[in-house]
Amino acid sequence: MAQKGEFSVLLTDEALSALDRLDKSVRERVKKRLEALRTLRPARTLRKHGEVWILEIGDFRALYLIDEKAATRTIFFIGNHKEYQKRYLKMFG
């Protein structure tokens, strides 16, 4: 349960699957950043699609949506920069 001012971080099945495919060291680094997302102030959105937020983790990106009422941040994509570019084109291209 999230404390006041904190968000619950949820992962879609797609994001969980992507996380599981990462090398162990990268996976641990990504998990730490995702955990920090509970209190981390969102920093970057997609320019033309402001409802989609980006979390940068080295060469990897996580895309997520924020639901202020439910106090959740839902991760729906995790991948390296090349995979991120493909996903962006698929979504908005």
PDB file of N, CA and C in Angstrom:
ATOM      1  N   MET A   1       0.844  -1.182   0.000  1.00  0.00           N
ATOM      2  CA  MET A   1       0.000   0.000   0.000  1.00  0.00           C
ATOM      3  C   MET A   1       0.889   1.245   0.000  1.00  0.00           C
ATOM      4  N   ALA A   2       0.571   2.175  -0.870  1.00  0.00           N
ATOM      5  CA  ALA A   2       1.363   3.395  -0.983  1.00  0.00           C
ATOM      6  C   ALA A   2       1.052   4.337   0.171  1.00  0.00           C
ATOM      7  N   GLN A   3       2.067   4.991   0.678  1.00  0.00           N
ATOM      8  CA  GLN A   3       1.912   6.001   1.715  1.00  0.00           C
ATOM      9  C   GLN A   3       1.479   7.304   1.051  1.00  0.00           C
ATOM     10  N   LYS A   4       1.039   8.263   1.839  1.00  0.00           N
ATOM     11  CA  LYS A   4       0.634   9.546   1.288  1.00  0.00           C
ATOM     12  C   LYS A   4       1.809  10.162   0.524  1.00  0.00           C
ATOM     13  N   GLY A   5       1.538  10.617  -0.695  1.00  0.00           N
ATOM     14  CA  GLY A   5       2.585  11.202  -1.523  1.00  0.00           C
ATOM     15  C   GLY A   5       3.364  10.180  -2.331  1.00  0.00           C
ATOM     16  N   GLU A   6       3.049   8.902  -2.139  1.00  0.00           N
ATOM     17  CA  GLU A   6       3.703   7.844  -2.895  1.00  0.00           C
ATOM     18  C   GLU A   6       2.720   7.237  -3.889  1.00  0.00           C
ATOM     19  N   PHE A   7       3.278   6.638  -4.909  1.00  0.00           N
ATOM     20  CA  PHE A   7       2.493   5.954  -5.920  1.00  0.00           C
ATOM     21  C   PHE A   7       2.797   4.466  -5.864  1.00  0.00           C
ATOM     22  N   SER A   8       1.818   3.665  -6.203  1.00  0.00           N
ATOM     23  CA  SER A   8       2.063   2.240  -6.428  1.00  0.00           C
ATOM     24  C   SER A   8       2.583   2.116  -7.851  1.00  0.00           C
ATOM     25  N   VAL A   9       3.590   1.288  -8.045  1.00  0.00           N
ATOM     26  CA  VAL A   9       4.139   1.062  -9.384  1.00  0.00           C
ATOM     27  C   VAL A   9       3.670  -0.309  -9.842  1.00  0.00           C
ATOM     28  N   LEU A  10       2.930  -0.314 -10.944  1.00  0.00           N
ATOM     29  CA  LEU A  10       2.381  -1.534 -11.515  1.00  0.00           C
ATOM     30  C   LEU A  10       3.054  -1.814 -12.842  1.00  0.00           C
ATOM     31  N   LEU A  11       3.191  -3.076 -13.177  1.00  0.00           N
ATOM     32  CA  LEU A  11       3.771  -3.466 -14.464  1.00  0.00           C
ATOM     33  C   LEU A  11       2.763  -4.307 -15.232  1.00  0.00           C
ATOM     34  N   THR A  12       2.602  -3.987 -16.500  1.00  0.00           N
ATOM     35  CA  THR A  12       1.758  -4.814 -17.351  1.00  0.00           C
ATOM     36  C   THR A  12       2.473  -6.136 -17.599  1.00  0.00           C
ATOM     37  N   ASP A  13       1.743  -7.104 -18.144  1.00  0.00           N
ATOM     38  CA  ASP A  13       2.357  -8.388 -18.472  1.00  0.00           C
ATOM     39  C   ASP A  13       3.508  -8.206 -19.456  1.00  0.00           C
ATOM     40  N   GLU A  14       3.326  -7.306 -20.422  1.00  0.00           N
ATOM     41  CA  GLU A  14       4.379  -7.034 -21.408  1.00  0.00           C
ATOM     42  C   GLU A  14       5.638  -6.499 -20.733  1.00  0.00           C
ATOM     43  N   ALA A  15       5.466  -5.568 -19.799  1.00  0.00           N
ATOM     44  CA  ALA A  15       6.616  -4.992 -19.097  1.00  0.00           C
ATOM     45  C   ALA A  15       7.300  -6.043 -18.218  1.00  0.00           C
ATOM     46  N   LEU A  16       6.519  -6.862 -17.533  1.00  0.00           N
ATOM     47  CA  LEU A  16       7.099  -7.929 -16.703  1.00  0.00           C
ATOM     48  C   LEU A  16       7.904  -8.904 -17.547  1.00  0.00           C
ATOM     49  N   SER A  17       7.368  -9.257 -18.696  1.00  0.00           N
ATOM     50  CA  SER A  17       8.062 -10.171 -19.597  1.00  0.00           C
ATOM     51  C   SER A  17       9.381  -9.563 -20.072  1.00  0.00           C
ATOM     52  N   ALA A  18       9.347  -8.281 -20.426  1.00  0.00           N
ATOM     53  CA  ALA A  18      10.568  -7.594 -20.871  1.00  0.00           C
ATOM     54  C   ALA A  18      11.598  -7.541 -19.744  1.00  0.00           C
ATOM     55  N   LEU A  19      11.141  -7.277 -18.539  1.00  0.00           N
ATOM     56  CA  LEU A  19      12.041  -7.224 -17.379  1.00  0.00           C
ATOM     57  C   LEU A  19      12.693  -8.581 -17.154  1.00  0.00           C
ATOM     58  N   ASP A  20      11.935  -9.644 -17.276  1.00  0.00           N
ATOM     59  CA  ASP A  20      12.460 -10.999 -17.075  1.00  0.00           C
ATOM     60  C   ASP A  20      13.515 -11.373 -18.115  1.00  0.00           C
ATOM     61  N   ARG A  21      13.442 -10.799 -19.302  1.00  0.00           N
ATOM     62  CA  ARG A  21      14.392 -11.131 -20.369  1.00  0.00           C
ATOM     63  C   ARG A  21      15.730 -10.405 -20.227  1.00  0.00           C
ATOM     64  N   LEU A  22      15.816  -9.414 -19.365  1.00  0.00           N
ATOM     65  CA  LEU A  22      17.061  -8.657 -19.200  1.00  0.00           C
ATOM     66  C   LEU A  22      18.109  -9.465 -18.450  1.00  0.00           C
ATOM     67  N   ASP A  23      19.385  -9.161 -18.714  1.00  0.00           N
ATOM     68  CA  ASP A  23      20.472  -9.749 -17.933  1.00  0.00           C
ATOM     69  C   ASP A  23      20.266  -9.384 -16.468  1.00  0.00           C
ATOM     70  N   LYS A  24      20.731 -10.237 -15.588  1.00  0.00           N
ATOM     71  CA  LYS A  24      20.484 -10.055 -14.159  1.00  0.00           C
ATOM     72  C   LYS A  24      20.946  -8.683 -13.647  1.00  0.00           C
ATOM     73  N   SER A  25      22.139  -8.247 -14.014  1.00  0.00           N
ATOM     74  CA  SER A  25      22.650  -6.958 -13.506  1.00  0.00           C
ATOM     75  C   SER A  25      21.798  -5.793 -14.014  1.00  0.00           C
ATOM     76  N   VAL A  26      21.401  -5.841 -15.261  1.00  0.00           N
ATOM     77  CA  VAL A  26      20.555  -4.781 -15.832  1.00  0.00           C
ATOM     78  C   VAL A  26      19.179  -4.831 -15.183  1.00  0.00           C
ATOM     79  N   ARG A  27      18.651  -6.032 -15.024  1.00  0.00           N
ATOM     80  CA  ARG A  27      17.329  -6.207 -14.411  1.00  0.00           C
ATOM     81  C   ARG A  27      17.304  -5.601 -13.013  1.00  0.00           C
ATOM     82  N   GLU A  28      18.344  -5.821 -12.222  1.00  0.00           N
ATOM     83  CA  GLU A  28      18.400  -5.272 -10.864  1.00  0.00           C
ATOM     84  C   GLU A  28      18.449  -3.743 -10.889  1.00  0.00           C
ATOM     85  N   ARG A  29      19.215  -3.192 -11.821  1.00  0.00           N
ATOM     86  CA  ARG A  29      19.288  -1.729 -11.943  1.00  0.00           C
ATOM     87  C   ARG A  29      17.933  -1.153 -12.340  1.00  0.00           C
ATOM     88  N   VAL A  30      17.261  -1.797 -13.271  1.00  0.00           N
ATOM     89  CA  VAL A  30      15.934  -1.346 -13.702  1.00  0.00           C
ATOM     90  C   VAL A  30      14.949  -1.445 -12.545  1.00  0.00           C
ATOM     91  N   LYS A  31      14.983  -2.544 -11.800  1.00  0.00           N
ATOM     92  CA  LYS A  31      14.079  -2.711 -10.657  1.00  0.00           C
ATOM     93  C   LYS A  31      14.265  -1.594  -9.623  1.00  0.00           C
ATOM     94  N   LYS A  32      15.510  -1.220  -9.368  1.00  0.00           N
ATOM     95  CA  LYS A  32      15.772  -0.142  -8.402  1.00  0.00           C
ATOM     96  C   LYS A  32      15.172   1.177  -8.868  1.00  0.00           C
ATOM     97  N   ARG A  33      15.320   1.467 -10.159  1.00  0.00           N
ATOM     98  CA  ARG A  33      14.749   2.710 -10.704  1.00  0.00           C
ATOM     99  C   ARG A  33      13.233   2.675 -10.686  1.00  0.00           C
ATOM    100  N   LEU A  34      12.659   1.510 -10.961  1.00  0.00           N
ATOM    101  CA  LEU A  34      11.203   1.399 -10.917  1.00  0.00           C
ATOM    102  C   LEU A  34      10.694   1.578  -9.492  1.00  0.00           C
ATOM    103  N   GLU A  35      11.411   1.042  -8.529  1.00  0.00           N
ATOM    104  CA  GLU A  35      11.029   1.219  -7.128  1.00  0.00           C
ATOM    105  C   GLU A  35      11.122   2.699  -6.738  1.00  0.00           C
ATOM    106  N   ALA A  36      12.142   3.382  -7.232  1.00  0.00           N
ATOM    107  CA  ALA A  36      12.297   4.810  -6.943  1.00  0.00           C
ATOM    108  C   ALA A  36      11.159   5.624  -7.554  1.00  0.00           C
ATOM    109  N   LEU A  37      10.515   5.073  -8.563  1.00  0.00           N
ATOM    110  CA  LEU A  37       9.412   5.762  -9.228  1.00  0.00           C
ATOM    111  C   LEU A  37       8.219   5.957  -8.290  1.00  0.00           C
ATOM    112  N   ARG A  38       8.201   5.243  -7.190  1.00  0.00           N
ATOM    113  CA  ARG A  38       7.124   5.419  -6.196  1.00  0.00           C
ATOM    114  C   ARG A  38       7.080   6.861  -5.698  1.00  0.00           C
ATOM    115  N   THR A  39       8.246   7.469  -5.528  1.00  0.00           N
ATOM    116  CA  THR A  39       8.305   8.837  -4.992  1.00  0.00           C
ATOM    117  C   THR A  39       8.987   9.814  -5.942  1.00  0.00           C
ATOM    118  N   LEU A  40       9.615   9.300  -6.982  1.00  0.00           N
ATOM    119  CA  LEU A  40      10.333  10.135  -7.933  1.00  0.00           C
ATOM    120  C   LEU A  40       9.379  11.056  -8.671  1.00  0.00           C
ATOM    121  N   ARG A  41       9.764  12.299  -8.791  1.00  0.00           N
ATOM    122  CA  ARG A  41       8.946  13.262  -9.521  1.00  0.00           C
ATOM    123  C   ARG A  41       9.105  12.999 -11.019  1.00  0.00           C
ATOM    124  N   PRO A  42       7.996  12.843 -11.752  1.00  0.00           N
ATOM    125  CA  PRO A  42       8.109  12.604 -13.195  1.00  0.00           C
ATOM    126  C   PRO A  42       8.869  13.735 -13.867  1.00  0.00           C
ATOM    127  N   ALA A  43       9.767  13.370 -14.790  1.00  0.00           N
ATOM    128  CA  ALA A  43      10.641  14.381 -15.376  1.00  0.00           C
ATOM    129  C   ALA A  43      10.400  14.605 -16.855  1.00  0.00           C
ATOM    130  N   ARG A  44       9.958  13.583 -17.575  1.00  0.00           N
ATOM    131  CA  ARG A  44       9.925  13.728 -19.026  1.00  0.00           C
ATOM    132  C   ARG A  44       8.720  13.017 -19.628  1.00  0.00           C
ATOM    133  N   THR A  45       8.007  13.730 -20.491  1.00  0.00           N
ATOM    134  CA  THR A  45       6.913  13.126 -21.239  1.00  0.00           C
ATOM    135  C   THR A  45       7.279  13.118 -22.713  1.00  0.00           C
ATOM    136  N   LEU A  46       6.522  12.379 -23.478  1.00  0.00           N
ATOM    137  CA  LEU A  46       6.687  12.438 -24.925  1.00  0.00           C
ATOM    138  C   LEU A  46       6.106  13.771 -25.387  1.00  0.00           C
ATOM    139  N   ARG A  47       6.819  14.499 -26.200  1.00  0.00           N
ATOM    140  CA  ARG A  47       6.431  15.853 -26.590  1.00  0.00           C
ATOM    141  C   ARG A  47       4.996  15.966 -27.089  1.00  0.00           C
ATOM    142  N   LYS A  48       4.647  15.141 -28.041  1.00  0.00           N
ATOM    143  CA  LYS A  48       3.316  15.242 -28.641  1.00  0.00           C
ATOM    144  C   LYS A  48       2.274  14.390 -27.926  1.00  0.00           C
ATOM    145  N   HIS A  49       2.721  13.609 -26.971  1.00  0.00           N
ATOM    146  CA  HIS A  49       1.831  12.685 -26.278  1.00  0.00           C
ATOM    147  C   HIS A  49       2.125  12.784 -24.785  1.00  0.00           C
ATOM    148  N   GLY A  50       1.759  13.905 -24.203  1.00  0.00           N
ATOM    149  CA  GLY A  50       2.111  14.232 -22.826  1.00  0.00           C
ATOM    150  C   GLY A  50       1.603  13.301 -21.759  1.00  0.00           C
ATOM    151  N   GLU A  51       0.658  12.430 -22.104  1.00  0.00           N
ATOM    152  CA  GLU A  51       0.145  11.490 -21.099  1.00  0.00           C
ATOM    153  C   GLU A  51       1.088  10.306 -20.893  1.00  0.00           C
ATOM    154  N   VAL A  52       2.027  10.124 -21.798  1.00  0.00           N
ATOM    155  CA  VAL A  52       3.001   9.025 -21.695  1.00  0.00           C
ATOM    156  C   VAL A  52       4.303   9.588 -21.133  1.00  0.00           C
ATOM    157  N   TRP A  53       4.766   8.993 -20.043  1.00  0.00           N
ATOM    158  CA  TRP A  53       5.976   9.432 -19.372  1.00  0.00           C
ATOM    159  C   TRP A  53       7.122   8.476 -19.666  1.00  0.00           C
ATOM    160  N   ILE A  54       8.346   9.007 -19.630  1.00  0.00           N
ATOM    161  CA  ILE A  54       9.546   8.222 -19.911  1.00  0.00           C
ATOM    162  C   ILE A  54      10.439   8.205 -18.680  1.00  0.00           C
ATOM    163  N   LEU A  55      10.908   7.027 -18.310  1.00  0.00           N
ATOM    164  CA  LEU A  55      11.908   6.881 -17.262  1.00  0.00           C
ATOM    165  C   LEU A  55      13.170   6.361 -17.942  1.00  0.00           C
ATOM    166  N   GLU A  56      14.231   7.132 -17.875  1.00  0.00           N
ATOM    167  CA  GLU A  56      15.502   6.738 -18.481  1.00  0.00           C
ATOM    168  C   GLU A  56      16.336   5.979 -17.458  1.00  0.00           C
ATOM    169  N   ILE A  57      16.848   4.830 -17.888  1.00  0.00           N
ATOM    170  CA  ILE A  57      17.658   3.971 -17.023  1.00  0.00           C
ATOM    171  C   ILE A  57      18.870   3.557 -17.846  1.00  0.00           C
ATOM    172  N   GLY A  58      19.885   4.391 -17.876  1.00  0.00           N
ATOM    173  CA  GLY A  58      21.036   4.127 -18.732  1.00  0.00           C
ATOM    174  C   GLY A  58      20.603   4.103 -20.184  1.00  0.00           C
ATOM    175  N   ASP A  59      20.896   3.011 -20.885  1.00  0.00           N
ATOM    176  CA  ASP A  59      20.494   2.852 -22.284  1.00  0.00           C
ATOM    177  C   ASP A  59      19.066   2.323 -22.420  1.00  0.00           C
ATOM    178  N   PHE A  60      18.400   2.095 -21.318  1.00  0.00           N
ATOM    179  CA  PHE A  60      17.046   1.548 -21.339  1.00  0.00           C
ATOM    180  C   PHE A  60      16.017   2.627 -21.048  1.00  0.00           C
ATOM    181  N   ARG A  61      14.796   2.364 -21.514  1.00  0.00           N
ATOM    182  CA  ARG A  61      13.678   3.272 -21.306  1.00  0.00           C
ATOM    183  C   ARG A  61      12.502   2.471 -20.773  1.00  0.00           C
ATOM    184  N   ALA A  62      11.748   3.108 -19.893  1.00  0.00           N
ATOM    185  CA  ALA A  62      10.474   2.564 -19.437  1.00  0.00           C
ATOM    186  C   ALA A  62       9.419   3.609 -19.751  1.00  0.00           C
ATOM    187  N   LEU A  63       8.339   3.191 -20.359  1.00  0.00           N
ATOM    188  CA  LEU A  63       7.222   4.084 -20.641  1.00  0.00           C
ATOM    189  C   LEU A  63       6.113   3.764 -19.653  1.00  0.00           C
ATOM    190  N   TYR A  64       5.480   4.821 -19.135  1.00  0.00           N
ATOM    191  CA  TYR A  64       4.435   4.591 -18.145  1.00  0.00           C
ATOM    192  C   TYR A  64       3.362   5.665 -18.187  1.00  0.00           C
ATOM    193  N   LEU A  65       2.250   5.335 -17.575  1.00  0.00           N
ATOM    194  CA  LEU A  65       1.119   6.240 -17.447  1.00  0.00           C
ATOM    195  C   LEU A  65       0.908   6.518 -15.964  1.00  0.00           C
ATOM    196  N   ILE A  66       0.412   7.700 -15.663  1.00  0.00           N
ATOM    197  CA  ILE A  66       0.153   8.083 -14.277  1.00  0.00           C
ATOM    198  C   ILE A  66      -1.354   8.238 -14.076  1.00  0.00           C
ATOM    199  N   ASP A  67      -1.866   7.640 -13.007  1.00  0.00           N
ATOM    200  CA  ASP A  67      -3.250   7.829 -12.591  1.00  0.00           C
ATOM    201  C   ASP A  67      -3.204   8.486 -11.219  1.00  0.00           C
ATOM    202  N   GLU A  68      -3.401   9.794 -11.205  1.00  0.00           N
ATOM    203  CA  GLU A  68      -3.307  10.556  -9.955  1.00  0.00           C
ATOM    204  C   GLU A  68      -4.361  10.117  -8.936  1.00  0.00           C
ATOM    205  N   LYS A  69      -5.588   9.870  -9.403  1.00  0.00           N
ATOM    206  CA  LYS A  69      -6.672   9.486  -8.482  1.00  0.00           C
ATOM    207  C   LYS A  69      -6.382   8.167  -7.792  1.00  0.00           C
ATOM    208  N   ALA A  70      -5.895   7.200  -8.553  1.00  0.00           N
ATOM    209  CA  ALA A  70      -5.588   5.883  -7.987  1.00  0.00           C
ATOM    210  C   ALA A  70      -4.185   5.821  -7.397  1.00  0.00           C
ATOM    211  N   ALA A  71      -3.412   6.888  -7.565  1.00  0.00           N
ATOM    212  CA  ALA A  71      -2.026   6.953  -7.082  1.00  0.00           C
ATOM    213  C   ALA A  71      -1.208   5.787  -7.622  1.00  0.00           C
ATOM    214  N   THR A  72      -1.314   5.566  -8.945  1.00  0.00           N
ATOM    215  CA  THR A  72      -0.557   4.494  -9.575  1.00  0.00           C
ATOM    216  C   THR A  72       0.254   5.022 -10.749  1.00  0.00           C
ATOM    217  N   ARG A  73       1.334   4.355 -10.998  1.00  0.00           N
ATOM    218  CA  ARG A  73       2.151   4.561 -12.191  1.00  0.00           C
ATOM    219  C   ARG A  73       2.287   3.194 -12.833  1.00  0.00           C
ATOM    220  N   THR A  74       1.759   3.073 -14.037  1.00  0.00           N
ATOM    221  CA  THR A  74       1.716   1.781 -14.703  1.00  0.00           C
ATOM    222  C   THR A  74       2.739   1.728 -15.823  1.00  0.00           C
ATOM    223  N   ILE A  75       3.720   0.867 -15.649  1.00  0.00           N
ATOM    224  CA  ILE A  75       4.765   0.652 -16.644  1.00  0.00           C
ATOM    225  C   ILE A  75       4.208  -0.283 -17.711  1.00  0.00           C
ATOM    226  N   PHE A  76       4.252   0.152 -18.975  1.00  0.00           N
ATOM    227  CA  PHE A  76       3.751  -0.719 -20.032  1.00  0.00           C
ATOM    228  C   PHE A  76       4.819  -1.086 -21.052  1.00  0.00           C
ATOM    229  N   PHE A  77       6.027  -0.522 -20.916  1.00  0.00           N
ATOM    230  CA  PHE A  77       7.109  -0.863 -21.828  1.00  0.00           C
ATOM    231  C   PHE A  77       8.441  -0.719 -21.121  1.00  0.00           C
ATOM    232  N   ILE A  78       9.333  -1.699 -21.321  1.00  0.00           N
ATOM    233  CA  ILE A  78      10.718  -1.628 -20.868  1.00  0.00           C
ATOM    234  C   ILE A  78      11.574  -2.161 -22.006  1.00  0.00           C
ATOM    235  N   GLY A  79      12.582  -1.398 -22.424  1.00  0.00           N
ATOM    236  CA  GLY A  79      13.456  -1.874 -23.485  1.00  0.00           C
ATOM    237  C   GLY A  79      14.614  -0.938 -23.713  1.00  0.00           C
ATOM    238  N   ASN A  80      15.556  -1.393 -24.538  1.00  0.00           N
ATOM    239  CA  ASN A  80      16.700  -0.535 -24.856  1.00  0.00           C
ATOM    240  C   ASN A  80      16.246   0.571 -25.815  1.00  0.00           C
ATOM    241  N   HIS A  81      17.137   1.480 -26.130  1.00  0.00           N
ATOM    242  CA  HIS A  81      16.750   2.640 -26.918  1.00  0.00           C
ATOM    243  C   HIS A  81      16.224   2.252 -28.301  1.00  0.00           C
ATOM    244  N   LYS A  82      16.827   1.255 -28.911  1.00  0.00           N
ATOM    245  CA  LYS A  82      16.382   0.801 -30.234  1.00  0.00           C
ATOM    246  C   LYS A  82      14.959   0.236 -30.159  1.00  0.00           C
ATOM    247  N   GLU A  83      14.687  -0.577 -29.137  1.00  0.00           N
ATOM    248  CA  GLU A  83      13.345  -1.117 -28.943  1.00  0.00           C
ATOM    249  C   GLU A  83      12.342  -0.003 -28.643  1.00  0.00           C
ATOM    250  N   TYR A  84      12.792   0.987 -27.880  1.00  0.00           N
ATOM    251  CA  TYR A  84      11.956   2.141 -27.553  1.00  0.00           C
ATOM    252  C   TYR A  84      11.563   2.897 -28.827  1.00  0.00           C
ATOM    253  N   GLN A  85      12.515   3.118 -29.727  1.00  0.00           N
ATOM    254  CA  GLN A  85      12.209   3.824 -30.971  1.00  0.00           C
ATOM    255  C   GLN A  85      11.187   3.046 -31.803  1.00  0.00           C
ATOM    256  N   LYS A  86      11.349   1.726 -31.882  1.00  0.00           N
ATOM    257  CA  LYS A  86      10.382   0.898 -32.618  1.00  0.00           C
ATOM    258  C   LYS A  86       9.000   1.001 -31.992  1.00  0.00           C
ATOM    259  N   ARG A  87       8.945   0.944 -30.669  1.00  0.00           N
ATOM    260  CA  ARG A  87       7.653   1.017 -29.964  1.00  0.00           C
ATOM    261  C   ARG A  87       6.999   2.365 -30.185  1.00  0.00           C
ATOM    262  N   TYR A  88       7.797   3.425 -30.138  1.00  0.00           N
ATOM    263  CA  TYR A  88       7.264   4.771 -30.345  1.00  0.00           C
ATOM    264  C   TYR A  88       6.632   4.872 -31.739  1.00  0.00           C
ATOM    265  N   LEU A  89       7.329   4.390 -32.752  1.00  0.00           N
ATOM    266  CA  LEU A  89       6.795   4.439 -34.114  1.00  0.00           C
ATOM    267  C   LEU A  89       5.535   3.596 -34.247  1.00  0.00           C
ATOM    268  N   LYS A  90       5.512   2.464 -33.576  1.00  0.00           N
ATOM    269  CA  LYS A  90       4.334   1.594 -33.617  1.00  0.00           C
ATOM    270  C   LYS A  90       3.129   2.284 -32.973  1.00  0.00           C
ATOM    271  N   MET A  91       3.374   2.986 -31.874  1.00  0.00           N
ATOM    272  CA  MET A  91       2.301   3.648 -31.148  1.00  0.00           C
ATOM    273  C   MET A  91       1.828   4.924 -31.827  1.00  0.00           C
ATOM    274  N   PHE A  92       2.777   5.728 -32.308  1.00  0.00           N
ATOM    275  CA  PHE A  92       2.442   7.077 -32.760  1.00  0.00           C
ATOM    276  C   PHE A  92       2.837   7.391 -34.182  1.00  0.00           C
ATOM    277  N   GLY A  93       3.572   6.450 -34.846  1.00  0.00           N
ATOM    278  CA  GLY A  93       4.125   6.709 -36.163  1.00  0.00           C
ATOM    279  C   GLY A  93       3.108   6.855 -37.199  1.00  0.00           C
TER     280      GLY A  93
END
